[in-house]
Amino acid sequence: MFRLVVQTARNFPKYWYVEGLASDPDNPDVPILHAWLTDGEYAFDPTWAAITQKGEHRPVPVTYWGIIMPFYPVQDFMKITGYQCVLNNAWRDRASSDKVFARAKETLEYQRQHGRLPVQERR
């Protein structure tokens, strides 16, 4: 799931990667660790389908709580550690996870000051 969201973020640079908790529509009282994308206003979730295999509508998660993280530090963390979730695996490589969290803090401060997300760095 996390790797799919990173791959999607690579292809759609206007979206930011987010990790946190989301409510599963099948069990809304128990949030689960999850990743999704945001444009700063709305969540875009490429992992939970809105249509079941039988073609029936399935509601998307009702609530998201998360930390917006810059794409490249997250991708670097995943390459270095081999693990997908920064929040759950930060202890595996403190140097690369510290970069993710420092950049996430900068992003949050920018968003608070300017009312929008900054343009995301591209390599």
PDB file of N, CA and C in Angstrom:
ATOM      1  N   MET A   1       0.823  -1.194   0.000  1.00  0.00           N
ATOM      2  CA  MET A   1       0.000   0.000   0.000  1.00  0.00           C
ATOM      3  C   MET A   1       0.865   1.255   0.000  1.00  0.00           C
ATOM      4  N   PHE A   2       1.833   1.367   0.915  1.00  0.00           N
ATOM      5  CA  PHE A   2       2.648   2.576   1.010  1.00  0.00           C
ATOM      6  C   PHE A   2       3.464   2.778  -0.267  1.00  0.00           C
ATOM      7  N   ARG A   3       4.027   1.687  -0.784  1.00  0.00           N
ATOM      8  CA  ARG A   3       4.837   1.782  -2.005  1.00  0.00           C
ATOM      9  C   ARG A   3       3.984   2.243  -3.192  1.00  0.00           C
ATOM     10  N   LEU A   4       2.746   1.774  -3.289  1.00  0.00           N
ATOM     11  CA  LEU A   4       1.853   2.202  -4.363  1.00  0.00           C
ATOM     12  C   LEU A   4       1.593   3.705  -4.287  1.00  0.00           C
ATOM     13  N   VAL A   5       1.420   4.216  -3.095  1.00  0.00           N
ATOM     14  CA  VAL A   5       1.170   5.649  -2.931  1.00  0.00           C
ATOM     15  C   VAL A   5       2.409   6.450  -3.328  1.00  0.00           C
ATOM     16  N   VAL A   6       3.599   5.966  -2.980  1.00  0.00           N
ATOM     17  CA  VAL A   6       4.836   6.638  -3.388  1.00  0.00           C
ATOM     18  C   VAL A   6       4.960   6.627  -4.906  1.00  0.00           C
ATOM     19  N   GLN A   7       4.676   5.494  -5.533  1.00  0.00           N
ATOM     20  CA  GLN A   7       4.736   5.407  -6.997  1.00  0.00           C
ATOM     21  C   GLN A   7       3.740   6.369  -7.641  1.00  0.00           C
ATOM     22  N   THR A   8       2.566   6.480  -7.079  1.00  0.00           N
ATOM     23  CA  THR A   8       1.558   7.400  -7.602  1.00  0.00           C
ATOM     24  C   THR A   8       2.021   8.848  -7.433  1.00  0.00           C
ATOM     25  N   ALA A   9       2.626   9.166  -6.288  1.00  0.00           N
ATOM     26  CA  ALA A   9       3.138  10.522  -6.053  1.00  0.00           C
ATOM     27  C   ALA A   9       4.222  10.880  -7.069  1.00  0.00           C
ATOM     28  N   ARG A  10       5.039   9.904  -7.452  1.00  0.00           N
ATOM     29  CA  ARG A  10       6.084  10.149  -8.442  1.00  0.00           C
ATOM     30  C   ARG A  10       5.466  10.556  -9.784  1.00  0.00           C
ATOM     31  N   ASN A  11       4.326   9.949 -10.125  1.00  0.00           N
ATOM     32  CA  ASN A  11       3.675  10.218 -11.407  1.00  0.00           C
ATOM     33  C   ASN A  11       2.784  11.457 -11.400  1.00  0.00           C
ATOM     34  N   PHE A  12       2.380  11.917 -10.226  1.00  0.00           N
ATOM     35  CA  PHE A  12       1.490  13.083 -10.108  1.00  0.00           C
ATOM     36  C   PHE A  12       2.104  14.082  -9.127  1.00  0.00           C
ATOM     37  N   PRO A  13       3.055  14.903  -9.581  1.00  0.00           N
ATOM     38  CA  PRO A  13       3.814  15.766  -8.673  1.00  0.00           C
ATOM     39  C   PRO A  13       3.005  16.833  -7.945  1.00  0.00           C
ATOM     40  N   LYS A  14       1.771  17.085  -8.356  1.00  0.00           N
ATOM     41  CA  LYS A  14       0.980  18.087  -7.618  1.00  0.00           C
ATOM     42  C   LYS A  14       0.471  17.535  -6.285  1.00  0.00           C
ATOM     43  N   TYR A  15       0.544  16.212  -6.104  1.00  0.00           N
ATOM     44  CA  TYR A  15       0.089  15.598  -4.858  1.00  0.00           C
ATOM     45  C   TYR A  15       1.251  15.332  -3.916  1.00  0.00           C
ATOM     46  N   TRP A  16       0.990  15.471  -2.629  1.00  0.00           N
ATOM     47  CA  TRP A  16       1.961  15.205  -1.584  1.00  0.00           C
ATOM     48  C   TRP A  16       1.635  13.876  -0.917  1.00  0.00           C
ATOM     49  N   TYR A  17       2.667  13.168  -0.510  1.00  0.00           N
ATOM     50  CA  TYR A  17       2.550  11.887   0.201  1.00  0.00           C
ATOM     51  C   TYR A  17       2.177  12.171   1.657  1.00  0.00           C
ATOM     52  N   VAL A  18       1.257  11.369   2.200  1.00  0.00           N
ATOM     53  CA  VAL A  18       0.825  11.526   3.596  1.00  0.00           C
ATOM     54  C   VAL A  18       0.806  10.145   4.263  1.00  0.00           C
ATOM     55  N   GLU A  19       1.308  10.075   5.485  1.00  0.00           N
ATOM     56  CA  GLU A  19       1.184   8.872   6.309  1.00  0.00           C
ATOM     57  C   GLU A  19       0.445   9.240   7.582  1.00  0.00           C
ATOM     58  N   GLY A  20      -0.368   8.312   8.055  1.00  0.00           N
ATOM     59  CA  GLY A  20      -1.093   8.551   9.298  1.00  0.00           C
ATOM     60  C   GLY A  20      -2.098   7.459   9.545  1.00  0.00           C
ATOM     61  N   LEU A  21      -3.251   7.862  10.054  1.00  0.00           N
ATOM     62  CA  LEU A  21      -4.330   6.933  10.353  1.00  0.00           C
ATOM     63  C   LEU A  21      -5.532   7.245   9.473  1.00  0.00           C
ATOM     64  N   ALA A  22      -6.233   6.206   9.075  1.00  0.00           N
ATOM     65  CA  ALA A  22      -7.462   6.368   8.291  1.00  0.00           C
ATOM     66  C   ALA A  22      -8.496   5.388   8.818  1.00  0.00           C
ATOM     67  N   SER A  23      -9.749   5.781   8.742  1.00  0.00           N
ATOM     68  CA  SER A  23     -10.834   4.900   9.156  1.00  0.00           C
ATOM     69  C   SER A  23     -11.264   4.042   7.979  1.00  0.00           C
ATOM     70  N   ASP A  24     -11.249   2.758   8.170  1.00  0.00           N
ATOM     71  CA  ASP A  24     -11.704   1.810   7.151  1.00  0.00           C
ATOM     72  C   ASP A  24     -13.234   1.802   7.174  1.00  0.00           C
ATOM     73  N   PRO A  25     -13.879   1.920   6.009  1.00  0.00           N
ATOM     74  CA  PRO A  25     -15.341   1.942   6.001  1.00  0.00           C
ATOM     75  C   PRO A  25     -15.970   0.668   6.576  1.00  0.00           C
ATOM     76  N   ASP A  26     -15.243  -0.442   6.541  1.00  0.00           N
ATOM     77  CA  ASP A  26     -15.775  -1.691   7.097  1.00  0.00           C
ATOM     78  C   ASP A  26     -15.671  -1.743   8.616  1.00  0.00           C
ATOM     79  N   ASN A  27     -14.820  -0.896   9.203  1.00  0.00           N
ATOM     80  CA  ASN A  27     -14.633  -0.876  10.645  1.00  0.00           C
ATOM     81  C   ASN A  27     -14.241   0.546  11.073  1.00  0.00           C
ATOM     82  N   PRO A  28     -15.176   1.513  10.992  1.00  0.00           N
ATOM     83  CA  PRO A  28     -14.836   2.922  11.201  1.00  0.00           C
ATOM     84  C   PRO A  28     -14.364   3.284  12.604  1.00  0.00           C
ATOM     85  N   ASP A  29     -14.615   2.420  13.591  1.00  0.00           N
ATOM     86  CA  ASP A  29     -14.213   2.740  14.959  1.00  0.00           C
ATOM     87  C   ASP A  29     -12.750   2.409  15.253  1.00  0.00           C
ATOM     88  N   VAL A  30     -12.068   1.738  14.312  1.00  0.00           N
ATOM     89  CA  VAL A  30     -10.681   1.338  14.526  1.00  0.00           C
ATOM     90  C   VAL A  30      -9.817   1.881  13.389  1.00  0.00           C
ATOM     91  N   PRO A  31      -9.208   3.066  13.573  1.00  0.00           N
ATOM     92  CA  PRO A  31      -8.354   3.595  12.515  1.00  0.00           C
ATOM     93  C   PRO A  31      -7.122   2.717  12.319  1.00  0.00           C
ATOM     94  N   ILE A  32      -6.633   2.662  11.077  1.00  0.00           N
ATOM     95  CA  ILE A  32      -5.466   1.847  10.776  1.00  0.00           C
ATOM     96  C   ILE A  32      -4.366   2.716  10.178  1.00  0.00           C
ATOM     97  N   LEU A  33      -3.127   2.257  10.307  1.00  0.00           N
ATOM     98  CA  LEU A  33      -1.989   2.935   9.709  1.00  0.00           C
ATOM     99  C   LEU A  33      -2.146   2.888   8.201  1.00  0.00           C
ATOM    100  N   HIS A  34      -1.981   4.039   7.544  1.00  0.00           N
ATOM    101  CA  HIS A  34      -2.322   4.119   6.129  1.00  0.00           C
ATOM    102  C   HIS A  34      -1.508   5.223   5.453  1.00  0.00           C
ATOM    103  N   ALA A  35      -1.474   5.209   4.122  1.00  0.00           N
ATOM    104  CA  ALA A  35      -0.836   6.265   3.336  1.00  0.00           C
ATOM    105  C   ALA A  35      -1.795   6.695   2.235  1.00  0.00           C
ATOM    106  N   TRP A  36      -1.746   7.966   1.869  1.00  0.00           N
ATOM    107  CA  TRP A  36      -2.582   8.516   0.804  1.00  0.00           C
ATOM    108  C   TRP A  36      -1.883   9.760   0.263  1.00  0.00           C
ATOM    109  N   LEU A  37      -2.506  10.438  -0.656  1.00  0.00           N
ATOM    110  CA  LEU A  37      -1.969  11.665  -1.241  1.00  0.00           C
ATOM    111  C   LEU A  37      -2.900  12.824  -0.918  1.00  0.00           C
ATOM    112  N   THR A  38      -2.355  14.044  -0.981  1.00  0.00           N
ATOM    113  CA  THR A  38      -3.179  15.231  -0.808  1.00  0.00           C
ATOM    114  C   THR A  38      -2.697  16.338  -1.737  1.00  0.00           C
ATOM    115  N   ASP A  39      -3.618  17.206  -2.086  1.00  0.00           N
ATOM    116  CA  ASP A  39      -3.265  18.422  -2.813  1.00  0.00           C
ATOM    117  C   ASP A  39      -3.248  19.605  -1.846  1.00  0.00           C
ATOM    118  N   GLY A  40      -3.356  19.322  -0.562  1.00  0.00           N
ATOM    119  CA  GLY A  40      -3.385  20.350   0.474  1.00  0.00           C
ATOM    120  C   GLY A  40      -4.774  20.622   0.993  1.00  0.00           C
ATOM    121  N   GLU A  41      -5.772  20.155   0.244  1.00  0.00           N
ATOM    122  CA  GLU A  41      -7.161  20.357   0.650  1.00  0.00           C
ATOM    123  C   GLU A  41      -7.917  19.031   0.732  1.00  0.00           C
ATOM    124  N   TYR A  42      -7.712  18.172  -0.260  1.00  0.00           N
ATOM    125  CA  TYR A  42      -8.450  16.915  -0.343  1.00  0.00           C
ATOM    126  C   TYR A  42      -7.510  15.716  -0.292  1.00  0.00           C
ATOM    127  N   ALA A  43      -8.032  14.603   0.200  1.00  0.00           N
ATOM    128  CA  ALA A  43      -7.301  13.339   0.187  1.00  0.00           C
ATOM    129  C   ALA A  43      -7.565  12.621  -1.129  1.00  0.00           C
ATOM    130  N   PHE A  44      -6.532  12.026  -1.682  1.00  0.00           N
ATOM    131  CA  PHE A  44      -6.628  11.189  -2.875  1.00  0.00           C
ATOM    132  C   PHE A  44      -6.013   9.850  -2.493  1.00  0.00           C
ATOM    133  N   ASP A  45      -6.817   8.814  -2.494  1.00  0.00           N
ATOM    134  CA  ASP A  45      -6.380   7.518  -1.988  1.00  0.00           C
ATOM    135  C   ASP A  45      -6.375   6.484  -3.108  1.00  0.00           C
ATOM    136  N   PRO A  46      -5.207   6.150  -3.642  1.00  0.00           N
ATOM    137  CA  PRO A  46      -5.150   5.169  -4.732  1.00  0.00           C
ATOM    138  C   PRO A  46      -5.226   3.721  -4.270  1.00  0.00           C
ATOM    139  N   THR A  47      -5.326   3.485  -2.966  1.00  0.00           N
ATOM    140  CA  THR A  47      -5.271   2.100  -2.479  1.00  0.00           C
ATOM    141  C   THR A  47      -6.615   1.503  -2.091  1.00  0.00           C
ATOM    142  N   TRP A  48      -7.543   2.326  -1.630  1.00  0.00           N
ATOM    143  CA  TRP A  48      -8.855   1.806  -1.270  1.00  0.00           C
ATOM    144  C   TRP A  48      -9.829   2.107  -2.400  1.00  0.00           C
ATOM    145  N   ALA A  49     -10.269   1.089  -3.071  1.00  0.00           N
ATOM    146  CA  ALA A  49     -11.163   1.265  -4.221  1.00  0.00           C
ATOM    147  C   ALA A  49     -12.550   1.711  -3.774  1.00  0.00           C
ATOM    148  N   ALA A  50     -13.180   2.534  -4.604  1.00  0.00           N
ATOM    149  CA  ALA A  50     -14.543   2.983  -4.323  1.00  0.00           C
ATOM    150  C   ALA A  50     -15.565   2.019  -4.920  1.00  0.00           C
ATOM    151  N   ILE A  51     -15.110   1.097  -5.746  1.00  0.00           N
ATOM    152  CA  ILE A  51     -15.990   0.110  -6.365  1.00  0.00           C
ATOM    153  C   ILE A  51     -15.476  -1.292  -6.020  1.00  0.00           C
ATOM    154  N   THR A  52     -16.347  -2.153  -5.548  1.00  0.00           N
ATOM    155  CA  THR A  52     -15.946  -3.520  -5.220  1.00  0.00           C
ATOM    156  C   THR A  52     -15.758  -4.330  -6.499  1.00  0.00           C
ATOM    157  N   GLN A  53     -15.226  -5.533  -6.363  1.00  0.00           N
ATOM    158  CA  GLN A  53     -15.044  -6.408  -7.524  1.00  0.00           C
ATOM    159  C   GLN A  53     -16.378  -6.789  -8.157  1.00  0.00           C
ATOM    160  N   LYS A  54     -17.444  -6.725  -7.385  1.00  0.00           N
ATOM    161  CA  LYS A  54     -18.787  -7.024  -7.912  1.00  0.00           C
ATOM    162  C   LYS A  54     -19.420  -5.792  -8.562  1.00  0.00           C
ATOM    163  N   GLY A  55     -18.694  -4.671  -8.595  1.00  0.00           N
ATOM    164  CA  GLY A  55     -19.213  -3.459  -9.212  1.00  0.00           C
ATOM    165  C   GLY A  55     -20.083  -2.623  -8.296  1.00  0.00           C
ATOM    166  N   GLU A  56     -20.103  -2.938  -7.010  1.00  0.00           N
ATOM    167  CA  GLU A  56     -20.907  -2.186  -6.052  1.00  0.00           C
ATOM    168  C   GLU A  56     -20.087  -1.022  -5.487  1.00  0.00           C
ATOM    169  N   HIS A  57     -20.782   0.088  -5.210  1.00  0.00           N
ATOM    170  CA  HIS A  57     -20.114   1.247  -4.616  1.00  0.00           C
ATOM    171  C   HIS A  57     -19.687   0.918  -3.194  1.00  0.00           C
ATOM    172  N   ARG A  58     -18.469   1.286  -2.852  1.00  0.00           N
ATOM    173  CA  ARG A  58     -17.957   1.105  -1.501  1.00  0.00           C
ATOM    174  C   ARG A  58     -17.492   2.464  -1.014  1.00  0.00           C
ATOM    175  N   PRO A  59     -17.955   2.916   0.129  1.00  0.00           N
ATOM    176  CA  PRO A  59     -17.530   4.234   0.604  1.00  0.00           C
ATOM    177  C   PRO A  59     -16.032   4.261   0.908  1.00  0.00           C
ATOM    178  N   VAL A  60     -15.416   5.385   0.632  1.00  0.00           N
ATOM    179  CA  VAL A  60     -14.006   5.558   0.971  1.00  0.00           C
ATOM    180  C   VAL A  60     -13.900   5.861   2.460  1.00  0.00           C
ATOM    181  N   PRO A  61     -12.701   5.781   3.032  1.00  0.00           N
ATOM    182  CA  PRO A  61     -12.566   6.034   4.476  1.00  0.00           C
ATOM    183  C   PRO A  61     -13.207   7.359   4.880  1.00  0.00           C
ATOM    184  N   VAL A  62     -13.796   7.344   6.041  1.00  0.00           N
ATOM    185  CA  VAL A  62     -14.529   8.520   6.488  1.00  0.00           C
ATOM    186  C   VAL A  62     -13.629   9.598   7.070  1.00  0.00           C
ATOM    187  N   THR A  63     -12.469   9.229   7.590  1.00  0.00           N
ATOM    188  CA  THR A  63     -11.607  10.203   8.242  1.00  0.00           C
ATOM    189  C   THR A  63     -10.138   9.861   8.012  1.00  0.00           C
ATOM    190  N   TYR A  64      -9.336  10.897   7.770  1.00  0.00           N
ATOM    191  CA  TYR A  64      -7.886  10.760   7.666  1.00  0.00           C
ATOM    192  C   TYR A  64      -7.220  11.685   8.674  1.00  0.00           C
ATOM    193  N   TRP A  65      -6.156  11.211   9.325  1.00  0.00           N
ATOM    194  CA  TRP A  65      -5.295  12.038  10.172  1.00  0.00           C
ATOM    195  C   TRP A  65      -3.874  11.720   9.755  1.00  0.00           C
ATOM    196  N   GLY A  66      -3.086  12.719   9.352  1.00  0.00           N
ATOM    197  CA  GLY A  66      -1.762  12.364   8.890  1.00  0.00           C
ATOM    198  C   GLY A  66      -0.758  13.491   8.872  1.00  0.00           C
ATOM    199  N   ILE A  67       0.467  13.119   8.489  1.00  0.00           N
ATOM    200  CA  ILE A  67       1.588  14.036   8.360  1.00  0.00           C
ATOM    201  C   ILE A  67       1.973  14.090   6.886  1.00  0.00           C
ATOM    202  N   ILE A  68       1.964  15.284   6.318  1.00  0.00           N
ATOM    203  CA  ILE A  68       2.378  15.465   4.925  1.00  0.00           C
ATOM    204  C   ILE A  68       3.897  15.365   4.886  1.00  0.00           C
ATOM    205  N   MET A  69       4.390  14.494   3.996  1.00  0.00           N
ATOM    206  CA  MET A  69       5.829  14.243   3.902  1.00  0.00           C
ATOM    207  C   MET A  69       6.307  14.482   2.471  1.00  0.00           C
ATOM    208  N   PRO A  70       7.485  15.102   2.309  1.00  0.00           N
ATOM    209  CA  PRO A  70       8.016  15.320   0.972  1.00  0.00           C
ATOM    210  C   PRO A  70       8.418  14.000   0.315  1.00  0.00           C
ATOM    211  N   PHE A  71       8.176  13.923  -0.968  1.00  0.00           N
ATOM    212  CA  PHE A  71       8.328  12.691  -1.734  1.00  0.00           C
ATOM    213  C   PHE A  71       9.730  12.087  -1.678  1.00  0.00           C
ATOM    214  N   TYR A  72      10.756  12.860  -2.018  1.00  0.00           N
ATOM    215  CA  TYR A  72      12.089  12.274  -2.164  1.00  0.00           C
ATOM    216  C   TYR A  72      12.686  11.759  -0.860  1.00  0.00           C
ATOM    217  N   PRO A  73      12.575  12.461   0.264  1.00  0.00           N
ATOM    218  CA  PRO A  73      13.081  11.862   1.505  1.00  0.00           C
ATOM    219  C   PRO A  73      12.357  10.556   1.868  1.00  0.00           C
ATOM    220  N   VAL A  74      11.053  10.476   1.570  1.00  0.00           N
ATOM    221  CA  VAL A  74      10.314   9.236   1.833  1.00  0.00           C
ATOM    222  C   VAL A  74      10.824   8.120   0.925  1.00  0.00           C
ATOM    223  N   GLN A  75      10.990   8.431  -0.351  1.00  0.00           N
ATOM    224  CA  GLN A  75      11.496   7.430  -1.290  1.00  0.00           C
ATOM    225  C   GLN A  75      12.895   6.965  -0.870  1.00  0.00           C
ATOM    226  N   ASP A  76      13.759   7.889  -0.458  1.00  0.00           N
ATOM    227  CA  ASP A  76      15.104   7.528  -0.002  1.00  0.00           C
ATOM    228  C   ASP A  76      15.041   6.626   1.221  1.00  0.00           C
ATOM    229  N   PHE A  77      14.162   6.960   2.172  1.00  0.00           N
ATOM    230  CA  PHE A  77      14.007   6.133   3.368  1.00  0.00           C
ATOM    231  C   PHE A  77      13.638   4.698   2.984  1.00  0.00           C
ATOM    232  N   MET A  78      12.694   4.561   2.062  1.00  0.00           N
ATOM    233  CA  MET A  78      12.248   3.225   1.650  1.00  0.00           C
ATOM    234  C   MET A  78      13.359   2.442   0.953  1.00  0.00           C
ATOM    235  N   LYS A  79      14.180   3.134   0.159  1.00  0.00           N
ATOM    236  CA  LYS A  79      15.304   2.465  -0.504  1.00  0.00           C
ATOM    237  C   LYS A  79      16.357   2.019   0.504  1.00  0.00           C
ATOM    238  N   ILE A  80      16.668   2.875   1.459  1.00  0.00           N
ATOM    239  CA  ILE A  80      17.706   2.579   2.452  1.00  0.00           C
ATOM    240  C   ILE A  80      17.288   1.434   3.373  1.00  0.00           C
ATOM    241  N   THR A  81      16.043   1.478   3.867  1.00  0.00           N
ATOM    242  CA  THR A  81      15.605   0.508   4.873  1.00  0.00           C
ATOM    243  C   THR A  81      14.955  -0.738   4.290  1.00  0.00           C
ATOM    244  N   GLY A  82      14.357  -0.611   3.095  1.00  0.00           N
ATOM    245  CA  GLY A  82      13.590  -1.729   2.546  1.00  0.00           C
ATOM    246  C   GLY A  82      12.194  -1.813   3.149  1.00  0.00           C
ATOM    247  N   TYR A  83      11.843  -0.849   3.996  1.00  0.00           N
ATOM    248  CA  TYR A  83      10.529  -0.831   4.633  1.00  0.00           C
ATOM    249  C   TYR A  83       9.699   0.303   4.064  1.00  0.00           C
ATOM    250  N   GLN A  84       8.378   0.134   4.103  1.00  0.00           N
ATOM    251  CA  GLN A  84       7.502   1.070   3.411  1.00  0.00           C
ATOM    252  C   GLN A  84       6.963   2.214   4.255  1.00  0.00           C
ATOM    253  N   CYS A  85       6.720   2.041   5.493  1.00  0.00           N
ATOM    254  CA  CYS A  85       6.060   3.058   6.320  1.00  0.00           C
ATOM    255  C   CYS A  85       7.080   3.774   7.197  1.00  0.00           C
ATOM    256  N   VAL A  86       7.224   5.075   7.010  1.00  0.00           N
ATOM    257  CA  VAL A  86       8.181   5.836   7.810  1.00  0.00           C
ATOM    258  C   VAL A  86       7.738   5.892   9.269  1.00  0.00           C
ATOM    259  N   LEU A  87       6.461   6.173   9.519  1.00  0.00           N
ATOM    260  CA  LEU A  87       5.976   6.314  10.899  1.00  0.00           C
ATOM    261  C   LEU A  87       6.213   5.052  11.726  1.00  0.00           C
ATOM    262  N   ASN A  88       6.034   3.915  11.135  1.00  0.00           N
ATOM    263  CA  ASN A  88       6.146   2.652  11.848  1.00  0.00           C
ATOM    264  C   ASN A  88       7.573   2.097  11.871  1.00  0.00           C
ATOM    265  N   ASN A  89       8.454   2.625  11.025  1.00  0.00           N
ATOM    266  CA  ASN A  89       9.794   2.058  10.879  1.00  0.00           C
ATOM    267  C   ASN A  89      10.907   3.093  11.017  1.00  0.00           C
ATOM    268  N   ALA A  90      10.627   4.249  11.564  1.00  0.00           N
ATOM    269  CA  ALA A  90      11.628   5.318  11.673  1.00  0.00           C
ATOM    270  C   ALA A  90      12.876   4.854  12.413  1.00  0.00           C
ATOM    271  N   TRP A  91      12.731   3.988  13.376  1.00  0.00           N
ATOM    272  CA  TRP A  91      13.858   3.514  14.170  1.00  0.00           C
ATOM    273  C   TRP A  91      14.869   2.714  13.346  1.00  0.00           C
ATOM    274  N   ARG A  92      14.471   2.227  12.179  1.00  0.00           N
ATOM    275  CA  ARG A  92      15.356   1.383  11.367  1.00  0.00           C
ATOM    276  C   ARG A  92      16.502   2.174  10.737  1.00  0.00           C
ATOM    277  N   ASP A  93      16.299   3.470  10.503  1.00  0.00           N
ATOM    278  CA  ASP A  93      17.364   4.326   9.991  1.00  0.00           C
ATOM    279  C   ASP A  93      17.072   5.757  10.434  1.00  0.00           C
ATOM    280  N   ARG A  94      17.634   6.123  11.564  1.00  0.00           N
ATOM    281  CA  ARG A  94      17.353   7.428  12.160  1.00  0.00           C
ATOM    282  C   ARG A  94      17.757   8.581  11.248  1.00  0.00           C
ATOM    283  N   ALA A  95      18.872   8.469  10.565  1.00  0.00           N
ATOM    284  CA  ALA A  95      19.334   9.582   9.726  1.00  0.00           C
ATOM    285  C   ALA A  95      18.325   9.893   8.622  1.00  0.00           C
ATOM    286  N   SER A  96      17.882   8.868   7.902  1.00  0.00           N
ATOM    287  CA  SER A  96      16.941   9.142   6.805  1.00  0.00           C
ATOM    288  C   SER A  96      15.549   9.488   7.330  1.00  0.00           C
ATOM    289  N   SER A  97      15.111   8.888   8.429  1.00  0.00           N
ATOM    290  CA  SER A  97      13.792   9.252   8.958  1.00  0.00           C
ATOM    291  C   SER A  97      13.810  10.659   9.548  1.00  0.00           C
ATOM    292  N   ASP A  98      14.949  11.066  10.148  1.00  0.00           N
ATOM    293  CA  ASP A  98      15.055  12.435  10.659  1.00  0.00           C
ATOM    294  C   ASP A  98      14.932  13.449   9.518  1.00  0.00           C
ATOM    295  N   LYS A  99      15.476  13.116   8.332  1.00  0.00           N
ATOM    296  CA  LYS A  99      15.333  14.001   7.164  1.00  0.00           C
ATOM    297  C   LYS A  99      13.871  14.121   6.762  1.00  0.00           C
ATOM    298  N   VAL A 100      13.162  12.987   6.767  1.00  0.00           N
ATOM    299  CA  VAL A 100      11.735  13.010   6.418  1.00  0.00           C
ATOM    300  C   VAL A 100      10.979  13.923   7.372  1.00  0.00           C
ATOM    301  N   PHE A 101      11.194  13.738   8.678  1.00  0.00           N
ATOM    302  CA  PHE A 101      10.437  14.511   9.663  1.00  0.00           C
ATOM    303  C   PHE A 101      10.834  15.990   9.663  1.00  0.00           C
ATOM    304  N   ALA A 102      12.114  16.291   9.431  1.00  0.00           N
ATOM    305  CA  ALA A 102      12.537  17.692   9.360  1.00  0.00           C
ATOM    306  C   ALA A 102      11.878  18.388   8.169  1.00  0.00           C
ATOM    307  N   ARG A 103      11.860  17.711   7.032  1.00  0.00           N
ATOM    308  CA  ARG A 103      11.228  18.282   5.834  1.00  0.00           C
ATOM    309  C   ARG A 103       9.708  18.372   6.013  1.00  0.00           C
ATOM    310  N   ALA A 104       9.110  17.403   6.714  1.00  0.00           N
ATOM    311  CA  ALA A 104       7.670  17.461   6.988  1.00  0.00           C
ATOM    312  C   ALA A 104       7.348  18.680   7.850  1.00  0.00           C
ATOM    313  N   LYS A 105       8.208  18.955   8.829  1.00  0.00           N
ATOM    314  CA  LYS A 105       8.011  20.125   9.687  1.00  0.00           C
ATOM    315  C   LYS A 105       8.121  21.413   8.876  1.00  0.00           C
ATOM    316  N   GLU A 106       9.110  21.494   7.977  1.00  0.00           N
ATOM    317  CA  GLU A 106       9.253  22.671   7.111  1.00  0.00           C
ATOM    318  C   GLU A 106       8.012  22.859   6.243  1.00  0.00           C
ATOM    319  N   THR A 107       7.483  21.761   5.719  1.00  0.00           N
ATOM    320  CA  THR A 107       6.288  21.809   4.871  1.00  0.00           C
ATOM    321  C   THR A 107       5.092  22.337   5.658  1.00  0.00           C
ATOM    322  N   LEU A 108       4.918  21.840   6.884  1.00  0.00           N
ATOM    323  CA  LEU A 108       3.819  22.292   7.736  1.00  0.00           C
ATOM    324  C   LEU A 108       3.955  23.781   8.057  1.00  0.00           C
ATOM    325  N   GLU A 109       5.167  24.226   8.373  1.00  0.00           N
ATOM    326  CA  GLU A 109       5.381  25.640   8.678  1.00  0.00           C
ATOM    327  C   GLU A 109       5.079  26.514   7.461  1.00  0.00           C
ATOM    328  N   TYR A 110       5.495  26.073   6.276  1.00  0.00           N
ATOM    329  CA  TYR A 110       5.204  26.813   5.052  1.00  0.00           C
ATOM    330  C   TYR A 110       3.693  26.899   4.837  1.00  0.00           C
ATOM    331  N   GLN A 111       3.014  25.771   5.027  1.00  0.00           N
ATOM    332  CA  GLN A 111       1.566  25.736   4.824  1.00  0.00           C
ATOM    333  C   GLN A 111       0.860  26.670   5.808  1.00  0.00           C
ATOM    334  N   ARG A 112       1.305  26.713   7.044  1.00  0.00           N
ATOM    335  CA  ARG A 112       0.709  27.617   8.037  1.00  0.00           C
ATOM    336  C   ARG A 112       0.920  29.083   7.654  1.00  0.00           C
ATOM    337  N   GLN A 113       2.104  29.416   7.171  1.00  0.00           N
ATOM    338  CA  GLN A 113       2.418  30.804   6.835  1.00  0.00           C
ATOM    339  C   GLN A 113       1.744  31.278   5.554  1.00  0.00           C
ATOM    340  N   HIS A 114       1.633  30.376   4.556  1.00  0.00           N
ATOM    341  CA  HIS A 114       1.161  30.778   3.231  1.00  0.00           C
ATOM    342  C   HIS A 114      -0.234  30.272   2.883  1.00  0.00           C
ATOM    343  N   GLY A 115      -0.789  29.403   3.699  1.00  0.00           N
ATOM    344  CA  GLY A 115      -2.128  28.890   3.441  1.00  0.00           C
ATOM    345  C   GLY A 115      -2.201  27.881   2.303  1.00  0.00           C
ATOM    346  N   ARG A 116      -1.056  27.381   1.881  1.00  0.00           N
ATOM    347  CA  ARG A 116      -0.999  26.388   0.810  1.00  0.00           C
ATOM    348  C   ARG A 116       0.292  25.592   0.944  1.00  0.00           C
ATOM    349  N   LEU A 117       0.364  24.477   0.246  1.00  0.00           N
ATOM    350  CA  LEU A 117       1.589  23.693   0.235  1.00  0.00           C
ATOM    351  C   LEU A 117       2.597  24.308  -0.733  1.00  0.00           C
ATOM    352  N   PRO A 118       3.898  24.172  -0.437  1.00  0.00           N
ATOM    353  CA  PRO A 118       4.897  24.679  -1.374  1.00  0.00           C
ATOM    354  C   PRO A 118       4.954  23.807  -2.634  1.00  0.00           C
ATOM    355  N   VAL A 119       5.606  24.327  -3.664  1.00  0.00           N
ATOM    356  CA  VAL A 119       5.851  23.513  -4.855  1.00  0.00           C
ATOM    357  C   VAL A 119       6.843  22.434  -4.446  1.00  0.00           C
ATOM    358  N   GLN A 120       6.570  21.218  -4.806  1.00  0.00           N
ATOM    359  CA  GLN A 120       7.400  20.104  -4.373  1.00  0.00           C
ATOM    360  C   GLN A 120       8.667  19.977  -5.211  1.00  0.00           C
ATOM    361  N   GLU A 121       9.763  19.736  -4.534  1.00  0.00           N
ATOM    362  CA  GLU A 121      11.056  19.554  -5.200  1.00  0.00           C
ATOM    363  C   GLU A 121      11.019  18.345  -6.128  1.00  0.00           C
ATOM    364  N   ARG A 122      11.662  18.453  -7.250  1.00  0.00           N
ATOM    365  CA  ARG A 122      11.770  17.340  -8.211  1.00  0.00           C
ATOM    366  C   ARG A 122      13.228  17.115  -8.546  1.00  0.00           C
ATOM    367  N   ARG A 123      13.621  15.866  -8.700  1.00  0.00           N
ATOM    368  CA  ARG A 123      15.002  15.521  -9.067  1.00  0.00           C
ATOM    369  C   ARG A 123      15.074  15.220 -10.537  1.00  0.00           C
TER     370      ARG A 123
END
